[in-house]
Amino acid sequence: MANDSCGPTPPATNEPVKPGTRIVHCVKFDRDLPGLDRPPWKGELGKRVYESVSKDAWKLWIEHSKMVMNEYRLNPSIPARKK
C-alpha cells in the first residue's frame, strides 16, 4: 500500500552518532536527535531554535525557505519598506 504520510520522514535511527554530539529533543520529529552546532540567530528566538530543533529538521527548514524565497521572488539583500 502507498505511504499515507504527507510529511517528511524522520532520519534513520541506525545512523551512528559521534561521541560528544549535542542531542536535543526535536520538535519536528518528536525524537532525540543531534542538535545544531550553534544558534542560527542572536537573541531569544535563536536560543529556542538551538535548544529544540535538530540538524535534520533545520535542513528541511532551509530548503523550504529557499522554495518560498524563489516562489515569491524575494530578495533578502533588499531591506523591507516601511509603510
N, C-alpha and C. Protein backbone atom coordinates (compact mmCIF):
# COMPACT_ATOMS: atom_id res chain seq x y z
N MET A 1 0.84 -1.18 0.00
CA MET A 1 0.00 0.00 0.00
C MET A 1 0.89 1.24 0.00
N ALA A 2 0.40 2.31 -0.54
CA ALA A 2 1.16 3.55 -0.64
C ALA A 2 1.38 4.15 0.74
N ASN A 3 2.45 4.93 0.86
CA ASN A 3 2.75 5.62 2.10
C ASN A 3 1.76 6.77 2.28
N ASP A 4 0.96 6.73 3.34
CA ASP A 4 -0.07 7.74 3.57
C ASP A 4 0.47 8.99 4.25
N SER A 5 1.72 8.98 4.64
CA SER A 5 2.31 10.12 5.33
C SER A 5 2.52 11.26 4.35
N CYS A 6 2.08 12.45 4.73
CA CYS A 6 2.25 13.60 3.85
C CYS A 6 3.44 14.46 4.28
N GLY A 7 4.04 14.16 5.42
CA GLY A 7 5.16 14.95 5.91
C GLY A 7 6.48 14.25 5.65
N PRO A 8 7.58 14.92 5.98
CA PRO A 8 8.89 14.30 5.78
C PRO A 8 9.08 13.15 6.75
N THR A 9 9.85 12.18 6.33
CA THR A 9 10.13 11.05 7.21
C THR A 9 11.32 11.38 8.10
N PRO A 10 11.28 10.96 9.36
CA PRO A 10 12.40 11.21 10.24
C PRO A 10 13.64 10.45 9.78
N PRO A 11 14.83 10.92 10.14
CA PRO A 11 16.05 10.25 9.72
C PRO A 11 16.13 8.84 10.32
N ALA A 12 16.92 8.01 9.68
CA ALA A 12 17.08 6.64 10.14
C ALA A 12 17.72 6.61 11.52
N THR A 13 17.27 5.67 12.35
CA THR A 13 17.79 5.58 13.72
C THR A 13 19.09 4.82 13.81
N ASN A 14 19.47 4.11 12.76
CA ASN A 14 20.68 3.31 12.82
C ASN A 14 21.94 4.09 12.43
N GLU A 15 21.81 5.38 12.17
CA GLU A 15 22.98 6.19 11.86
C GLU A 15 23.79 6.41 13.12
N PRO A 16 25.10 6.18 13.08
CA PRO A 16 25.91 6.37 14.28
C PRO A 16 26.03 7.85 14.64
N VAL A 17 25.99 8.13 15.93
CA VAL A 17 26.15 9.50 16.43
C VAL A 17 27.56 9.61 16.99
N LYS A 18 28.28 10.63 16.57
CA LYS A 18 29.64 10.82 17.04
C LYS A 18 29.65 11.12 18.54
N PRO A 19 30.65 10.61 19.25
CA PRO A 19 30.75 10.92 20.68
C PRO A 19 30.89 12.44 20.89
N GLY A 20 30.21 12.94 21.90
CA GLY A 20 30.27 14.37 22.20
C GLY A 20 29.28 15.20 21.42
N THR A 21 28.44 14.57 20.60
CA THR A 21 27.44 15.29 19.84
C THR A 21 26.32 15.75 20.77
N ARG A 22 25.91 16.99 20.61
CA ARG A 22 24.84 17.54 21.43
C ARG A 22 23.50 17.00 20.92
N ILE A 23 22.72 16.42 21.82
CA ILE A 23 21.44 15.82 21.47
C ILE A 23 20.31 16.72 21.98
N VAL A 24 19.30 16.94 21.13
CA VAL A 24 18.12 17.72 21.52
C VAL A 24 16.88 16.88 21.24
N HIS A 25 15.80 17.20 21.94
CA HIS A 25 14.52 16.57 21.62
C HIS A 25 13.86 17.44 20.55
N CYS A 26 13.88 16.97 19.32
CA CYS A 26 13.43 17.75 18.16
C CYS A 26 11.92 17.93 18.16
N VAL A 27 11.49 19.19 18.02
CA VAL A 27 10.06 19.47 17.98
C VAL A 27 9.43 19.01 16.67
N LYS A 28 10.19 18.91 15.60
CA LYS A 28 9.67 18.48 14.31
C LYS A 28 9.44 16.97 14.28
N PHE A 29 10.43 16.20 14.72
CA PHE A 29 10.37 14.74 14.63
C PHE A 29 9.95 14.07 15.94
N ASP A 30 9.87 14.83 17.03
CA ASP A 30 9.50 14.31 18.34
C ASP A 30 10.39 13.14 18.76
N ARG A 31 11.69 13.32 18.52
CA ARG A 31 12.69 12.30 18.88
C ARG A 31 13.96 13.00 19.32
N ASP A 32 14.82 12.28 20.01
CA ASP A 32 16.13 12.80 20.39
C ASP A 32 17.09 12.61 19.22
N LEU A 33 17.60 13.75 18.71
CA LEU A 33 18.47 13.74 17.55
C LEU A 33 19.61 14.74 17.76
N PRO A 34 20.68 14.65 16.96
CA PRO A 34 21.77 15.63 17.08
C PRO A 34 21.27 17.05 16.80
N GLY A 35 21.70 17.98 17.65
CA GLY A 35 21.28 19.37 17.53
C GLY A 35 22.22 20.20 16.68
N LEU A 36 21.86 21.45 16.50
CA LEU A 36 22.67 22.39 15.72
C LEU A 36 24.00 22.65 16.43
N ASP A 37 25.01 23.05 15.66
CA ASP A 37 26.32 23.34 16.23
C ASP A 37 26.35 24.69 16.94
N ARG A 38 25.52 25.62 16.48
CA ARG A 38 25.47 26.95 17.09
C ARG A 38 24.09 27.53 16.83
N PRO A 39 23.68 28.53 17.62
CA PRO A 39 22.38 29.15 17.37
C PRO A 39 22.35 29.83 16.00
N PRO A 40 21.27 29.70 15.25
CA PRO A 40 21.21 30.28 13.91
C PRO A 40 21.07 31.80 13.91
N TRP A 41 20.51 32.37 14.98
CA TRP A 41 20.33 33.82 15.09
C TRP A 41 20.68 34.25 16.50
N LYS A 42 20.86 35.53 16.68
CA LYS A 42 21.07 36.08 18.01
C LYS A 42 19.71 36.22 18.69
N GLY A 43 19.73 36.31 20.01
CA GLY A 43 18.50 36.59 20.74
C GLY A 43 17.74 35.36 21.18
N GLU A 44 16.55 35.62 21.68
CA GLU A 44 15.71 34.57 22.26
C GLU A 44 15.26 33.54 21.23
N LEU A 45 14.90 33.98 20.03
CA LEU A 45 14.46 33.03 19.01
C LEU A 45 15.59 32.08 18.62
N GLY A 46 16.78 32.60 18.43
CA GLY A 46 17.93 31.75 18.10
C GLY A 46 18.20 30.72 19.19
N LYS A 47 18.05 31.14 20.44
CA LYS A 47 18.25 30.24 21.58
C LYS A 47 17.21 29.13 21.57
N ARG A 48 15.95 29.48 21.30
CA ARG A 48 14.88 28.48 21.27
C ARG A 48 15.11 27.46 20.15
N VAL A 49 15.50 27.94 18.98
CA VAL A 49 15.78 27.05 17.85
C VAL A 49 16.94 26.13 18.19
N TYR A 50 18.00 26.68 18.74
CA TYR A 50 19.20 25.92 19.11
C TYR A 50 18.88 24.80 20.10
N GLU A 51 17.97 25.07 21.03
CA GLU A 51 17.65 24.11 22.08
C GLU A 51 16.62 23.06 21.68
N SER A 52 15.87 23.28 20.59
CA SER A 52 14.77 22.35 20.31
C SER A 52 14.63 21.91 18.85
N VAL A 53 15.58 22.24 18.00
CA VAL A 53 15.49 21.84 16.59
C VAL A 53 16.74 21.03 16.23
N SER A 54 16.54 19.89 15.60
CA SER A 54 17.66 19.03 15.21
C SER A 54 18.28 19.53 13.90
N LYS A 55 19.47 19.02 13.61
CA LYS A 55 20.14 19.37 12.35
C LYS A 55 19.29 18.96 11.15
N ASP A 56 18.68 17.79 11.24
CA ASP A 56 17.86 17.30 10.12
C ASP A 56 16.64 18.19 9.90
N ALA A 57 15.99 18.61 10.97
CA ALA A 57 14.83 19.49 10.84
C ALA A 57 15.26 20.85 10.31
N TRP A 58 16.44 21.33 10.72
CA TRP A 58 16.93 22.63 10.25
C TRP A 58 17.22 22.58 8.75
N LYS A 59 17.75 21.45 8.27
CA LYS A 59 17.99 21.30 6.82
C LYS A 59 16.67 21.39 6.05
N LEU A 60 15.62 20.78 6.59
CA LEU A 60 14.31 20.86 5.94
C LEU A 60 13.82 22.30 5.89
N TRP A 61 14.02 23.05 6.99
CA TRP A 61 13.59 24.45 7.03
C TRP A 61 14.35 25.27 5.99
N ILE A 62 15.64 25.08 5.87
CA ILE A 62 16.45 25.82 4.91
C ILE A 62 15.93 25.58 3.49
N GLU A 63 15.67 24.32 3.15
CA GLU A 63 15.17 24.00 1.82
C GLU A 63 13.79 24.62 1.59
N HIS A 64 12.92 24.59 2.59
CA HIS A 64 11.59 25.18 2.45
C HIS A 64 11.68 26.69 2.29
N SER A 65 12.56 27.32 3.05
CA SER A 65 12.69 28.78 2.95
C SER A 65 13.23 29.20 1.58
N LYS A 66 14.11 28.39 1.00
CA LYS A 66 14.60 28.67 -0.36
C LYS A 66 13.44 28.63 -1.35
N MET A 67 12.57 27.62 -1.19
CA MET A 67 11.43 27.48 -2.07
C MET A 67 10.51 28.70 -1.97
N VAL A 68 10.24 29.16 -0.75
CA VAL A 68 9.38 30.33 -0.55
C VAL A 68 10.01 31.57 -1.17
N MET A 69 11.31 31.76 -0.94
CA MET A 69 12.01 32.93 -1.48
C MET A 69 11.93 32.94 -3.02
N ASN A 70 12.13 31.79 -3.62
CA ASN A 70 12.06 31.72 -5.08
C ASN A 70 10.65 31.91 -5.60
N GLU A 71 9.68 31.29 -4.94
CA GLU A 71 8.30 31.37 -5.40
C GLU A 71 7.76 32.80 -5.36
N TYR A 72 8.09 33.53 -4.31
CA TYR A 72 7.61 34.90 -4.18
C TYR A 72 8.62 35.94 -4.69
N ARG A 73 9.71 35.46 -5.27
CA ARG A 73 10.76 36.32 -5.83
C ARG A 73 11.24 37.35 -4.82
N LEU A 74 11.53 36.86 -3.62
CA LEU A 74 12.01 37.73 -2.55
C LEU A 74 13.52 37.86 -2.64
N ASN A 75 14.03 39.02 -2.29
CA ASN A 75 15.46 39.26 -2.30
C ASN A 75 15.87 39.70 -0.90
N PRO A 76 16.59 38.84 -0.16
CA PRO A 76 16.92 39.17 1.22
C PRO A 76 17.92 40.32 1.35
N SER A 77 18.55 40.71 0.27
CA SER A 77 19.53 41.81 0.37
C SER A 77 18.86 43.17 0.27
N ILE A 78 17.57 43.20 -0.07
CA ILE A 78 16.84 44.47 -0.15
C ILE A 78 16.05 44.64 1.14
N PRO A 79 16.28 45.74 1.89
CA PRO A 79 15.54 45.94 3.15
C PRO A 79 14.05 46.12 2.89
N ALA A 80 13.26 45.68 3.85
CA ALA A 80 11.80 45.82 3.74
C ALA A 80 11.40 47.29 3.81
N ARG A 81 10.40 47.66 3.04
CA ARG A 81 9.89 49.02 3.05
C ARG A 81 8.95 49.19 4.23
N LYS A 82 9.03 50.33 4.88
CA LYS A 82 8.12 50.64 5.96
C LYS A 82 6.91 51.36 5.39
N LYS A 83 5.74 50.99 5.84
CA LYS A 83 4.51 51.60 5.34
C LYS A 83 3.99 52.62 6.29
